[in-house]
Amino acid sequence: MSEVNSHATELTSQYVAQVTGDLERNAKEQERVGAEIEALQEQLRALQHDHTVLVNMQEALGGPNPVVEADAASAPSVPHQASAERKPSKGKKAAATGAKKTASKKPAAKPAVKAAVKAAAVTAPTAATKPTLVELIRGHLEQQSEPRSAAEITTALTQAHPDRSVKTTVVRTTLEGLVAKSHAHRTKQGSSVFYTTVAASEPAPVEPQPEAVAG
């Protein structure tokens, strides 16, 4: 009986160790996926903001307007129909009336253009003054002369931008994305990982020295 009990205890210990390891791996995977989701949401918000600015600028610059195009397409049809069904004098009168209606509708487009210009002017500075997390990280690395870890970058960005919620996991995921795109370099010192910009890590090119000319 003692051998059976000891064997059962050993199996239980193995199962406990396996389940504990699986739980740790699951938690780490959840943290990694959550960080990637937050980074993607940050990029999505930046793209949506840029889209709004571009739409306002397109309207301000006189982009396609379906209402104006529809009015322009329907205006020539009035004189033709009137001239085909009625006398020429009445056709001229209908054409003059259609021209007056078209002329009265044109000034209505000016307030819309002014509103679009105003909206673009208000929205554009907001996009310029609130850079994305990728831009903040790249700008911070460009100002550093030595490699920085994800935790150090997170602390610096939190102090510089207290209105933004910056997490180390999101910063680390963003840094790995920059490394994958060759916009940053990663170095490992022991168990710690540090990051630098491409410009800071690449040595400056050596200029060729002019050859001396014999006198």
N, C-alpha and C. Protein backbone atom coordinates (compact mmCIF):
# COMPACT_ATOMS: atom_id res chain seq x y z
N MET A 1 0.82 -1.21 0.00
CA MET A 1 0.00 0.00 0.00
C MET A 1 0.86 1.26 0.00
N SER A 2 1.99 1.18 0.75
CA SER A 2 2.85 2.35 0.82
C SER A 2 3.43 2.70 -0.54
N GLU A 3 3.75 1.68 -1.35
CA GLU A 3 4.29 1.94 -2.68
C GLU A 3 3.24 2.61 -3.57
N VAL A 4 2.01 2.16 -3.45
CA VAL A 4 0.92 2.76 -4.25
C VAL A 4 0.71 4.22 -3.85
N ASN A 5 0.73 4.48 -2.56
CA ASN A 5 0.53 5.84 -2.09
C ASN A 5 1.67 6.76 -2.54
N SER A 6 2.89 6.26 -2.47
CA SER A 6 4.03 7.07 -2.89
C SER A 6 3.99 7.35 -4.39
N HIS A 7 3.56 6.34 -5.16
CA HIS A 7 3.46 6.52 -6.61
C HIS A 7 2.38 7.56 -6.94
N ALA A 8 1.26 7.49 -6.23
CA ALA A 8 0.19 8.46 -6.45
C ALA A 8 0.63 9.86 -6.06
N THR A 9 1.38 9.96 -4.98
CA THR A 9 1.87 11.27 -4.57
C THR A 9 2.83 11.85 -5.60
N GLU A 10 3.69 11.02 -6.15
CA GLU A 10 4.63 11.47 -7.18
C GLU A 10 3.91 11.96 -8.42
N LEU A 11 2.88 11.22 -8.85
CA LEU A 11 2.10 11.65 -10.02
C LEU A 11 1.39 12.97 -9.75
N THR A 12 0.86 13.11 -8.55
CA THR A 12 0.19 14.36 -8.19
C THR A 12 1.16 15.54 -8.23
N SER A 13 2.37 15.32 -7.73
CA SER A 13 3.37 16.39 -7.76
C SER A 13 3.73 16.78 -9.19
N GLN A 14 3.84 15.77 -10.06
CA GLN A 14 4.16 16.06 -11.46
C GLN A 14 3.05 16.87 -12.12
N TYR A 15 1.80 16.47 -11.85
CA TYR A 15 0.66 17.19 -12.43
C TYR A 15 0.61 18.63 -11.91
N VAL A 16 0.87 18.80 -10.62
CA VAL A 16 0.86 20.14 -10.04
C VAL A 16 1.93 21.01 -10.68
N ALA A 17 3.13 20.46 -10.86
CA ALA A 17 4.21 21.22 -11.49
C ALA A 17 3.88 21.57 -12.94
N GLN A 18 3.27 20.62 -13.67
CA GLN A 18 2.92 20.87 -15.06
C GLN A 18 1.84 21.95 -15.17
N VAL A 19 0.82 21.86 -14.32
CA VAL A 19 -0.25 22.85 -14.34
C VAL A 19 0.28 24.24 -13.97
N THR A 20 1.19 24.27 -12.98
CA THR A 20 1.77 25.56 -12.58
C THR A 20 2.56 26.19 -13.72
N GLY A 21 3.34 25.37 -14.43
CA GLY A 21 4.09 25.88 -15.57
C GLY A 21 3.18 26.36 -16.68
N ASP A 22 2.09 25.59 -16.93
CA ASP A 22 1.15 26.00 -17.97
C ASP A 22 0.47 27.33 -17.61
N LEU A 23 0.16 27.52 -16.34
CA LEU A 23 -0.46 28.76 -15.90
C LEU A 23 0.48 29.95 -16.09
N GLU A 24 1.76 29.76 -15.78
CA GLU A 24 2.72 30.84 -15.96
C GLU A 24 2.87 31.21 -17.43
N ARG A 25 2.95 30.20 -18.28
CA ARG A 25 3.06 30.47 -19.71
C ARG A 25 1.81 31.15 -20.25
N ASN A 26 0.65 30.72 -19.75
CA ASN A 26 -0.60 31.34 -20.19
C ASN A 26 -0.67 32.81 -19.78
N ALA A 27 -0.24 33.11 -18.56
CA ALA A 27 -0.26 34.50 -18.09
C ALA A 27 0.68 35.38 -18.91
N LYS A 28 1.88 34.85 -19.22
CA LYS A 28 2.83 35.61 -20.03
C LYS A 28 2.29 35.84 -21.44
N GLU A 29 1.62 34.82 -21.99
CA GLU A 29 1.06 34.96 -23.33
C GLU A 29 -0.07 35.99 -23.34
N GLN A 30 -0.89 35.97 -22.29
CA GLN A 30 -1.95 36.98 -22.19
C GLN A 30 -1.37 38.39 -22.11
N GLU A 31 -0.29 38.55 -21.35
CA GLU A 31 0.35 39.86 -21.23
C GLU A 31 0.90 40.32 -22.57
N ARG A 32 1.52 39.39 -23.31
CA ARG A 32 2.10 39.74 -24.61
C ARG A 32 1.00 40.14 -25.60
N VAL A 33 -0.06 39.34 -25.68
CA VAL A 33 -1.15 39.65 -26.61
C VAL A 33 -1.85 40.95 -26.23
N GLY A 34 -2.04 41.17 -24.92
CA GLY A 34 -2.65 42.42 -24.47
C GLY A 34 -1.82 43.64 -24.85
N ALA A 35 -0.50 43.52 -24.73
CA ALA A 35 0.38 44.63 -25.11
C ALA A 35 0.30 44.91 -26.61
N GLU A 36 0.24 43.84 -27.41
CA GLU A 36 0.12 44.03 -28.86
C GLU A 36 -1.21 44.69 -29.22
N ILE A 37 -2.27 44.30 -28.53
CA ILE A 37 -3.59 44.89 -28.79
C ILE A 37 -3.57 46.38 -28.45
N GLU A 38 -2.98 46.74 -27.33
CA GLU A 38 -2.92 48.15 -26.95
C GLU A 38 -2.09 48.96 -27.95
N ALA A 39 -1.00 48.37 -28.42
CA ALA A 39 -0.18 49.08 -29.41
C ALA A 39 -0.95 49.27 -30.71
N LEU A 40 -1.69 48.25 -31.13
CA LEU A 40 -2.48 48.37 -32.36
C LEU A 40 -3.62 49.38 -32.18
N GLN A 41 -4.24 49.41 -31.01
CA GLN A 41 -5.29 50.39 -30.76
C GLN A 41 -4.73 51.81 -30.80
N GLU A 42 -3.52 51.99 -30.29
CA GLU A 42 -2.87 53.30 -30.35
C GLU A 42 -2.64 53.73 -31.79
N GLN A 43 -2.18 52.80 -32.62
CA GLN A 43 -1.97 53.10 -34.03
C GLN A 43 -3.29 53.36 -34.74
N LEU A 44 -4.34 52.59 -34.38
CA LEU A 44 -5.65 52.79 -35.00
C LEU A 44 -6.22 54.17 -34.66
N ARG A 45 -6.08 54.60 -33.40
CA ARG A 45 -6.57 55.92 -33.03
C ARG A 45 -5.83 57.01 -33.79
N ALA A 46 -4.53 56.84 -33.97
CA ALA A 46 -3.75 57.84 -34.73
C ALA A 46 -4.20 57.89 -36.19
N LEU A 47 -4.45 56.72 -36.78
CA LEU A 47 -4.90 56.68 -38.18
C LEU A 47 -6.29 57.29 -38.32
N GLN A 48 -7.18 57.02 -37.38
CA GLN A 48 -8.52 57.60 -37.43
C GLN A 48 -8.47 59.12 -37.31
N HIS A 49 -7.58 59.60 -36.43
CA HIS A 49 -7.44 61.05 -36.26
C HIS A 49 -6.90 61.69 -37.55
N ASP A 50 -5.89 61.05 -38.15
CA ASP A 50 -5.35 61.56 -39.41
C ASP A 50 -6.41 61.55 -40.51
N HIS A 51 -7.25 60.51 -40.52
CA HIS A 51 -8.32 60.42 -41.53
C HIS A 51 -9.28 61.58 -41.40
N THR A 52 -9.65 61.94 -40.16
CA THR A 52 -10.55 63.06 -39.94
C THR A 52 -9.93 64.37 -40.44
N VAL A 53 -8.65 64.55 -40.15
CA VAL A 53 -7.97 65.78 -40.61
C VAL A 53 -7.95 65.84 -42.13
N LEU A 54 -7.64 64.72 -42.78
CA LEU A 54 -7.56 64.70 -44.24
C LEU A 54 -8.92 64.95 -44.88
N VAL A 55 -10.00 64.40 -44.29
CA VAL A 55 -11.35 64.63 -44.83
C VAL A 55 -11.71 66.10 -44.73
N ASN A 56 -11.42 66.72 -43.58
CA ASN A 56 -11.71 68.15 -43.42
C ASN A 56 -10.91 69.01 -44.40
N MET A 57 -9.65 68.63 -44.61
CA MET A 57 -8.83 69.38 -45.56
C MET A 57 -9.34 69.21 -46.99
N GLN A 58 -9.82 67.99 -47.33
CA GLN A 58 -10.35 67.76 -48.67
C GLN A 58 -11.59 68.60 -48.92
N GLU A 59 -12.47 68.68 -47.90
CA GLU A 59 -13.67 69.50 -48.05
C GLU A 59 -13.30 70.98 -48.14
N ALA A 60 -12.30 71.39 -47.36
CA ALA A 60 -11.89 72.79 -47.38
C ALA A 60 -11.28 73.19 -48.72
N LEU A 61 -10.61 72.25 -49.38
CA LEU A 61 -9.96 72.53 -50.65
C LEU A 61 -10.90 72.36 -51.84
N GLY A 62 -12.20 72.11 -51.57
CA GLY A 62 -13.17 71.99 -52.66
C GLY A 62 -13.20 70.62 -53.27
N GLY A 63 -13.28 69.60 -52.43
CA GLY A 63 -13.36 68.23 -52.92
C GLY A 63 -14.70 67.95 -53.56
N PRO A 64 -14.94 66.71 -54.01
CA PRO A 64 -16.20 66.34 -54.66
C PRO A 64 -17.38 66.60 -53.75
N ASN A 65 -18.42 67.26 -54.31
CA ASN A 65 -19.64 67.55 -53.56
C ASN A 65 -20.82 67.01 -54.36
N PRO A 66 -21.42 65.88 -53.91
CA PRO A 66 -22.51 65.27 -54.68
C PRO A 66 -23.70 66.20 -54.87
N VAL A 67 -24.01 67.08 -53.90
CA VAL A 67 -25.18 67.95 -54.01
C VAL A 67 -24.98 68.97 -55.12
N VAL A 68 -23.79 69.60 -55.15
CA VAL A 68 -23.51 70.59 -56.18
C VAL A 68 -23.49 69.95 -57.56
N GLU A 69 -22.91 68.73 -57.66
CA GLU A 69 -22.86 68.04 -58.94
C GLU A 69 -24.26 67.71 -59.44
N ALA A 70 -25.15 67.32 -58.53
CA ALA A 70 -26.51 66.98 -58.92
C ALA A 70 -27.24 68.22 -59.43
N ASP A 71 -27.04 69.37 -58.76
CA ASP A 71 -27.67 70.61 -59.21
C ASP A 71 -27.14 71.03 -60.57
N ALA A 72 -25.85 70.87 -60.78
CA ALA A 72 -25.26 71.25 -62.06
C ALA A 72 -25.76 70.36 -63.18
N ALA A 73 -26.00 69.07 -62.89
CA ALA A 73 -26.47 68.14 -63.91
C ALA A 73 -27.93 68.39 -64.25
N SER A 74 -28.74 68.82 -63.30
CA SER A 74 -30.16 69.02 -63.55
C SER A 74 -30.46 70.39 -64.14
N ALA A 75 -29.56 71.36 -64.00
CA ALA A 75 -29.83 72.71 -64.48
C ALA A 75 -30.02 72.77 -65.99
N PRO A 76 -29.17 72.15 -66.85
CA PRO A 76 -29.35 72.27 -68.31
C PRO A 76 -30.62 71.60 -68.81
N SER A 77 -31.18 70.63 -68.05
CA SER A 77 -32.33 69.90 -68.55
C SER A 77 -33.59 70.74 -68.55
N VAL A 78 -33.66 71.80 -67.76
CA VAL A 78 -34.87 72.63 -67.67
C VAL A 78 -35.13 73.37 -68.96
N PRO A 79 -34.14 74.08 -69.54
CA PRO A 79 -34.42 74.80 -70.79
C PRO A 79 -34.79 73.87 -71.94
N HIS A 80 -34.15 72.68 -72.05
CA HIS A 80 -34.42 71.77 -73.15
C HIS A 80 -35.84 71.26 -73.09
N GLN A 81 -36.31 70.88 -71.89
CA GLN A 81 -37.67 70.37 -71.76
C GLN A 81 -38.68 71.48 -72.07
N ALA A 82 -38.40 72.69 -71.59
CA ALA A 82 -39.33 73.79 -71.83
C ALA A 82 -39.39 74.15 -73.30
N SER A 83 -38.25 74.15 -73.97
CA SER A 83 -38.23 74.50 -75.38
C SER A 83 -38.88 73.44 -76.25
N ALA A 84 -38.85 72.16 -75.80
CA ALA A 84 -39.44 71.10 -76.59
C ALA A 84 -40.95 71.07 -76.46
N GLU A 85 -41.49 71.46 -75.30
CA GLU A 85 -42.92 71.36 -75.07
C GLU A 85 -43.65 72.69 -75.25
N ARG A 86 -42.96 73.81 -75.00
CA ARG A 86 -43.60 75.11 -75.05
C ARG A 86 -42.97 75.99 -76.13
N LYS A 87 -43.43 77.22 -76.18
CA LYS A 87 -42.92 78.17 -77.16
C LYS A 87 -41.53 78.64 -76.78
N PRO A 88 -40.75 79.15 -77.76
CA PRO A 88 -39.39 79.62 -77.46
C PRO A 88 -39.35 80.71 -76.41
N SER A 89 -40.34 81.60 -76.38
CA SER A 89 -40.31 82.68 -75.42
C SER A 89 -40.42 82.15 -74.00
N LYS A 90 -41.29 81.16 -73.81
CA LYS A 90 -41.42 80.57 -72.48
C LYS A 90 -40.18 79.76 -72.11
N GLY A 91 -39.52 79.16 -73.13
CA GLY A 91 -38.29 78.42 -72.87
C GLY A 91 -37.19 79.33 -72.36
N LYS A 92 -37.10 80.55 -72.95
CA LYS A 92 -36.11 81.51 -72.47
C LYS A 92 -36.40 81.93 -71.04
N LYS A 93 -37.71 82.09 -70.78
CA LYS A 93 -38.08 82.49 -69.42
C LYS A 93 -37.73 81.40 -68.41
N ALA A 94 -37.98 80.12 -68.79
CA ALA A 94 -37.63 79.01 -67.89
C ALA A 94 -36.13 78.92 -67.69
N ALA A 95 -35.37 79.16 -68.76
CA ALA A 95 -33.91 79.11 -68.64
C ALA A 95 -33.41 80.21 -67.72
N ALA A 96 -34.02 81.40 -67.84
CA ALA A 96 -33.62 82.50 -66.96
C ALA A 96 -33.95 82.19 -65.51
N THR A 97 -35.13 81.56 -65.31
CA THR A 97 -35.51 81.18 -63.94
C THR A 97 -34.56 80.15 -63.38
N GLY A 98 -34.17 79.14 -64.22
CA GLY A 98 -33.22 78.12 -63.77
C GLY A 98 -31.87 78.72 -63.45
N ALA A 99 -31.44 79.71 -64.24
CA ALA A 99 -30.15 80.35 -63.98
C ALA A 99 -30.18 81.12 -62.67
N LYS A 100 -31.35 81.78 -62.39
CA LYS A 100 -31.46 82.51 -61.14
C LYS A 100 -31.41 81.56 -59.95
N LYS A 101 -32.10 80.40 -60.09
CA LYS A 101 -32.08 79.42 -58.99
C LYS A 101 -30.67 78.89 -58.75
N THR A 102 -29.96 78.61 -59.88
CA THR A 102 -28.59 78.11 -59.74
C THR A 102 -27.68 79.17 -59.10
N ALA A 103 -27.89 80.44 -59.51
CA ALA A 103 -27.08 81.52 -58.93
C ALA A 103 -27.38 81.71 -57.45
N SER A 104 -28.66 81.50 -57.08
CA SER A 104 -29.01 81.66 -55.67
C SER A 104 -28.47 80.53 -54.82
N LYS A 105 -28.22 79.36 -55.42
CA LYS A 105 -27.71 78.23 -54.66
C LYS A 105 -26.20 78.29 -54.48
N LYS A 106 -25.49 78.97 -55.37
CA LYS A 106 -24.03 79.01 -55.29
C LYS A 106 -23.51 79.66 -54.02
N PRO A 107 -24.05 80.78 -53.57
CA PRO A 107 -23.51 81.38 -52.34
C PRO A 107 -23.69 80.50 -51.12
N ALA A 108 -24.64 79.54 -51.15
CA ALA A 108 -24.86 78.67 -50.00
C ALA A 108 -23.67 77.75 -49.74
N ALA A 109 -22.86 77.52 -50.78
CA ALA A 109 -21.72 76.63 -50.62
C ALA A 109 -20.58 77.30 -49.85
N LYS A 110 -20.55 78.64 -49.83
CA LYS A 110 -19.45 79.34 -49.17
C LYS A 110 -19.41 79.07 -47.66
N PRO A 111 -20.55 79.14 -46.94
CA PRO A 111 -20.47 78.82 -45.50
C PRO A 111 -19.98 77.42 -45.22
N ALA A 112 -20.35 76.47 -46.11
CA ALA A 112 -19.88 75.10 -45.89
C ALA A 112 -18.37 75.01 -46.03
N VAL A 113 -17.83 75.72 -47.03
CA VAL A 113 -16.37 75.71 -47.23
C VAL A 113 -15.67 76.38 -46.05
N LYS A 114 -16.26 77.51 -45.56
CA LYS A 114 -15.66 78.18 -44.42
C LYS A 114 -15.68 77.30 -43.18
N ALA A 115 -16.80 76.57 -43.00
CA ALA A 115 -16.89 75.67 -41.85
C ALA A 115 -15.87 74.55 -41.94
N ALA A 116 -15.66 74.03 -43.17
CA ALA A 116 -14.68 72.96 -43.35
C ALA A 116 -13.28 73.46 -43.09
N VAL A 117 -12.99 74.70 -43.56
CA VAL A 117 -11.66 75.28 -43.32
C VAL A 117 -11.43 75.49 -41.83
N LYS A 118 -12.48 75.96 -41.15
CA LYS A 118 -12.35 76.18 -39.71
C LYS A 118 -12.14 74.87 -38.97
N ALA A 119 -12.89 73.82 -39.39
CA ALA A 119 -12.74 72.52 -38.74
C ALA A 119 -11.35 71.95 -38.97
N ALA A 120 -10.84 72.12 -40.20
CA ALA A 120 -9.50 71.62 -40.50
C ALA A 120 -8.45 72.38 -39.71
N ALA A 121 -8.66 73.68 -39.55
CA ALA A 121 -7.69 74.49 -38.79
C ALA A 121 -7.69 74.12 -37.32
N VAL A 122 -8.88 73.74 -36.81
CA VAL A 122 -8.95 73.36 -35.40
C VAL A 122 -8.40 71.97 -35.18
N THR A 123 -8.66 71.06 -36.13
CA THR A 123 -8.25 69.66 -35.95
C THR A 123 -6.78 69.46 -36.23
N ALA A 124 -6.22 70.20 -37.19
CA ALA A 124 -4.82 69.99 -37.57
C ALA A 124 -3.84 70.24 -36.44
N PRO A 125 -3.98 71.32 -35.65
CA PRO A 125 -3.03 71.51 -34.54
C PRO A 125 -3.13 70.42 -33.51
N THR A 126 -4.35 69.84 -33.32
CA THR A 126 -4.49 68.77 -32.34
C THR A 126 -3.66 67.56 -32.74
N ALA A 127 -3.71 67.22 -34.05
CA ALA A 127 -2.92 66.08 -34.50
C ALA A 127 -1.43 66.35 -34.41
N ALA A 128 -1.06 67.64 -34.61
CA ALA A 128 0.37 67.96 -34.58
C ALA A 128 0.91 67.98 -33.16
N THR A 129 0.04 68.40 -32.20
CA THR A 129 0.52 68.50 -30.83
C THR A 129 0.42 67.19 -30.07
N LYS A 130 -0.24 66.20 -30.62
CA LYS A 130 -0.37 64.91 -29.93
C LYS A 130 0.21 63.81 -30.80
N PRO A 131 1.53 63.61 -30.74
CA PRO A 131 2.15 62.57 -31.58
C PRO A 131 1.79 61.18 -31.08
N THR A 132 2.01 60.20 -31.94
CA THR A 132 1.73 58.82 -31.57
C THR A 132 2.82 58.29 -30.65
N LEU A 133 2.55 57.14 -30.05
CA LEU A 133 3.53 56.54 -29.15
C LEU A 133 4.80 56.16 -29.90
N VAL A 134 4.66 55.72 -31.14
CA VAL A 134 5.84 55.37 -31.95
C VAL A 134 6.73 56.60 -32.15
N GLU A 135 6.10 57.74 -32.45
CA GLU A 135 6.88 58.97 -32.65
C GLU A 135 7.54 59.43 -31.35
N LEU A 136 6.84 59.26 -30.24
CA LEU A 136 7.44 59.65 -28.95
C LEU A 136 8.66 58.79 -28.63
N ILE A 137 8.54 57.49 -28.87
CA ILE A 137 9.65 56.58 -28.56
C ILE A 137 10.84 56.86 -29.47
N ARG A 138 10.59 57.04 -30.75
CA ARG A 138 11.70 57.31 -31.68
C ARG A 138 12.38 58.65 -31.35
N GLY A 139 11.56 59.66 -31.02
CA GLY A 139 12.13 60.95 -30.66
C GLY A 139 12.97 60.87 -29.39
N HIS A 140 12.50 60.07 -28.42
CA HIS A 140 13.27 59.93 -27.17
C HIS A 140 14.59 59.21 -27.43
N LEU A 141 14.56 58.16 -28.24
CA LEU A 141 15.80 57.43 -28.52
C LEU A 141 16.80 58.30 -29.29
N GLU A 142 16.29 59.14 -30.18
CA GLU A 142 17.20 60.00 -30.95
C GLU A 142 17.91 61.02 -30.06
N GLN A 143 17.30 61.36 -28.93
CA GLN A 143 17.92 62.32 -28.01
C GLN A 143 18.91 61.68 -27.04
N GLN A 144 18.95 60.35 -27.01
CA GLN A 144 19.82 59.65 -26.06
C GLN A 144 21.14 59.26 -26.73
N SER A 145 22.20 59.40 -25.97
CA SER A 145 23.52 59.02 -26.48
C SER A 145 23.90 57.60 -26.06
N GLU A 146 23.13 57.01 -25.14
CA GLU A 146 23.40 55.66 -24.66
C GLU A 146 22.14 54.81 -24.80
N PRO A 147 22.30 53.49 -24.86
CA PRO A 147 21.13 52.61 -24.97
C PRO A 147 20.20 52.76 -23.77
N ARG A 148 18.91 52.56 -24.00
CA ARG A 148 17.91 52.69 -22.96
C ARG A 148 17.02 51.45 -22.96
N SER A 149 16.60 51.03 -21.77
CA SER A 149 15.70 49.88 -21.64
C SER A 149 14.26 50.35 -21.79
N ALA A 150 13.35 49.38 -21.94
CA ALA A 150 11.93 49.72 -22.08
C ALA A 150 11.40 50.39 -20.82
N ALA A 151 11.86 49.96 -19.66
CA ALA A 151 11.41 50.56 -18.41
C ALA A 151 11.89 52.01 -18.30
N GLU A 152 13.15 52.28 -18.69
CA GLU A 152 13.67 53.65 -18.64
C GLU A 152 12.92 54.57 -19.60
N ILE A 153 12.61 54.05 -20.78
CA ILE A 153 11.87 54.85 -21.76
C ILE A 153 10.47 55.14 -21.25
N THR A 154 9.84 54.14 -20.62
CA THR A 154 8.49 54.33 -20.08
C THR A 154 8.49 55.41 -19.00
N THR A 155 9.47 55.36 -18.11
CA THR A 155 9.56 56.36 -17.05
C THR A 155 9.76 57.76 -17.63
N ALA A 156 10.62 57.89 -18.63
CA ALA A 156 10.89 59.21 -19.22
C ALA A 156 9.65 59.74 -19.94
N LEU A 157 8.94 58.89 -20.67
CA LEU A 157 7.75 59.34 -21.39
C LEU A 157 6.62 59.69 -20.43
N THR A 158 6.51 58.95 -19.33
CA THR A 158 5.47 59.25 -18.34
C THR A 158 5.71 60.60 -17.70
N GLN A 159 6.98 60.91 -17.42
CA GLN A 159 7.31 62.21 -16.83
C GLN A 159 7.11 63.35 -17.83
N ALA A 160 7.45 63.09 -19.09
CA ALA A 160 7.32 64.13 -20.11
C ALA A 160 5.88 64.34 -20.56
N HIS A 161 5.07 63.27 -20.49
CA HIS A 161 3.67 63.35 -20.93
C HIS A 161 2.77 62.74 -19.84
N PRO A 162 2.53 63.46 -18.75
CA PRO A 162 1.72 62.90 -17.66
C PRO A 162 0.27 62.69 -18.03
N ASP A 163 -0.20 63.32 -19.13
CA ASP A 163 -1.59 63.15 -19.53
C ASP A 163 -1.83 61.85 -20.30
N ARG A 164 -0.76 61.13 -20.64
CA ARG A 164 -0.91 59.89 -21.41
C ARG A 164 -0.59 58.70 -20.52
N SER A 165 -1.30 57.61 -20.77
CA SER A 165 -1.07 56.37 -20.03
C SER A 165 -0.08 55.51 -20.81
N VAL A 166 1.16 55.49 -20.35
CA VAL A 166 2.23 54.74 -21.03
C VAL A 166 2.59 53.53 -20.18
N LYS A 167 2.48 52.34 -20.76
CA LYS A 167 2.79 51.11 -20.05
C LYS A 167 4.05 50.48 -20.62
N THR A 168 4.80 49.83 -19.74
CA THR A 168 6.07 49.23 -20.16
C THR A 168 5.86 48.14 -21.20
N THR A 169 4.80 47.35 -21.04
CA THR A 169 4.55 46.27 -22.01
C THR A 169 4.27 46.82 -23.40
N VAL A 170 3.51 47.93 -23.47
CA VAL A 170 3.21 48.53 -24.77
C VAL A 170 4.47 49.14 -25.37
N VAL A 171 5.29 49.79 -24.53
CA VAL A 171 6.54 50.38 -25.01
C VAL A 171 7.47 49.29 -25.55
N ARG A 172 7.56 48.17 -24.81
CA ARG A 172 8.43 47.08 -25.26
C ARG A 172 7.94 46.51 -26.60
N THR A 173 6.63 46.33 -26.74
CA THR A 173 6.09 45.82 -28.00
C THR A 173 6.35 46.80 -29.15
N THR A 174 6.19 48.09 -28.88
CA THR A 174 6.47 49.10 -29.90
C THR A 174 7.94 49.12 -30.29
N LEU A 175 8.82 48.97 -29.32
CA LEU A 175 10.26 48.93 -29.60
C LEU A 175 10.61 47.72 -30.46
N GLU A 176 10.00 46.57 -30.17
CA GLU A 176 10.27 45.38 -30.97
C GLU A 176 9.78 45.59 -32.40
N GLY A 177 8.66 46.33 -32.55
CA GLY A 177 8.19 46.65 -33.89
C GLY A 177 9.16 47.54 -34.65
N LEU A 178 9.76 48.51 -33.93
CA LEU A 178 10.76 49.36 -34.57
C LEU A 178 12.00 48.56 -34.97
N VAL A 179 12.37 47.61 -34.11
CA VAL A 179 13.52 46.76 -34.44
C VAL A 179 13.22 45.92 -35.67
N ALA A 180 11.99 45.40 -35.76
CA ALA A 180 11.62 44.58 -36.92
C ALA A 180 11.64 45.38 -38.21
N LYS A 181 11.36 46.70 -38.11
CA LYS A 181 11.37 47.56 -39.30
C LYS A 181 12.72 48.23 -39.52
N SER A 182 13.73 47.83 -38.75
CA SER A 182 15.09 48.37 -38.86
C SER A 182 15.13 49.87 -38.53
N HIS A 183 14.19 50.32 -37.68
CA HIS A 183 14.20 51.71 -37.22
C HIS A 183 14.90 51.85 -35.86
N ALA A 184 15.28 50.74 -35.26
CA ALA A 184 15.97 50.75 -33.98
C ALA A 184 16.80 49.47 -33.87
N HIS A 185 17.78 49.50 -32.95
CA HIS A 185 18.64 48.35 -32.71
C HIS A 185 18.47 47.87 -31.28
N ARG A 186 18.61 46.56 -31.09
CA ARG A 186 18.45 45.97 -29.77
C ARG A 186 19.75 45.29 -29.37
N THR A 187 20.18 45.57 -28.15
CA THR A 187 21.37 44.93 -27.60
C THR A 187 21.01 44.30 -26.26
N LYS A 188 21.68 43.22 -25.93
CA LYS A 188 21.39 42.50 -24.68
C LYS A 188 22.63 42.46 -23.82
N GLN A 189 22.45 42.91 -22.57
CA GLN A 189 23.54 42.89 -21.59
C GLN A 189 23.07 42.06 -20.40
N GLY A 190 23.53 40.81 -20.38
CA GLY A 190 23.06 39.89 -19.34
C GLY A 190 21.61 39.52 -19.59
N SER A 191 20.76 39.77 -18.62
CA SER A 191 19.33 39.50 -18.79
C SER A 191 18.54 40.74 -19.18
N SER A 192 19.22 41.87 -19.34
CA SER A 192 18.54 43.12 -19.68
C SER A 192 18.68 43.40 -21.18
N VAL A 193 17.64 44.03 -21.73
CA VAL A 193 17.61 44.38 -23.16
C VAL A 193 17.57 45.91 -23.27
N PHE A 194 18.41 46.45 -24.15
CA PHE A 194 18.50 47.89 -24.35
C PHE A 194 18.28 48.21 -25.82
N TYR A 195 17.81 49.43 -26.09
CA TYR A 195 17.47 49.84 -27.45
C TYR A 195 18.14 51.17 -27.78
N THR A 196 18.51 51.30 -29.04
CA THR A 196 19.09 52.55 -29.56
C THR A 196 18.51 52.80 -30.94
N THR A 197 18.65 54.04 -31.40
CA THR A 197 18.20 54.36 -32.75
C THR A 197 19.22 53.87 -33.76
N VAL A 198 18.78 53.78 -35.00
CA VAL A 198 19.68 53.32 -36.06
C VAL A 198 20.80 54.33 -36.26
N ALA A 199 20.46 55.63 -36.21
CA ALA A 199 21.47 56.67 -36.42
C ALA A 199 22.51 56.66 -35.32
N ALA A 200 22.07 56.36 -34.06
CA ALA A 200 23.02 56.38 -32.94
C ALA A 200 23.91 55.16 -32.92
N SER A 201 23.41 54.05 -33.49
CA SER A 201 24.19 52.81 -33.42
C SER A 201 25.12 52.63 -34.60
N GLU A 202 24.86 53.35 -35.70
CA GLU A 202 25.71 53.20 -36.88
C GLU A 202 26.88 54.17 -36.78
N PRO A 203 28.09 53.73 -37.05
CA PRO A 203 29.24 54.64 -37.01
C PRO A 203 29.20 55.62 -38.17
N ALA A 204 29.75 56.78 -37.93
CA ALA A 204 29.78 57.80 -38.98
C ALA A 204 30.75 57.39 -40.07
N PRO A 205 30.37 57.64 -41.35
CA PRO A 205 31.26 57.26 -42.45
C PRO A 205 32.56 58.05 -42.42
N VAL A 206 33.64 57.41 -42.75
CA VAL A 206 34.96 58.04 -42.76
C VAL A 206 35.16 58.73 -44.11
N GLU A 207 35.43 60.02 -44.03
CA GLU A 207 35.66 60.76 -45.26
C GLU A 207 37.04 60.46 -45.83
N PRO A 208 37.15 60.25 -47.12
CA PRO A 208 38.48 59.96 -47.71
C PRO A 208 39.38 61.19 -47.65
N GLN A 209 40.60 60.96 -47.27
CA GLN A 209 41.59 62.04 -47.18
C GLN A 209 42.15 62.32 -48.57
N PRO A 210 42.29 63.60 -48.93
CA PRO A 210 42.88 63.93 -50.26
C PRO A 210 44.36 63.53 -50.33
N GLU A 211 44.73 62.99 -51.45
CA GLU A 211 46.11 62.54 -51.64
C GLU A 211 47.03 63.76 -51.81
N ALA A 212 48.19 63.64 -51.18
CA ALA A 212 49.17 64.73 -51.30
C ALA A 212 49.77 64.75 -52.68
N VAL A 213 49.88 65.94 -53.26
CA VAL A 213 50.43 66.09 -54.59
C VAL A 213 51.91 66.45 -54.45
N ALA A 214 52.74 65.66 -55.10
CA ALA A 214 54.18 65.91 -55.02
C ALA A 214 54.54 67.20 -55.75
N GLY A 215 55.37 68.01 -55.08
CA GLY A 215 55.76 69.30 -55.68
C GLY A 215 56.84 69.13 -56.70
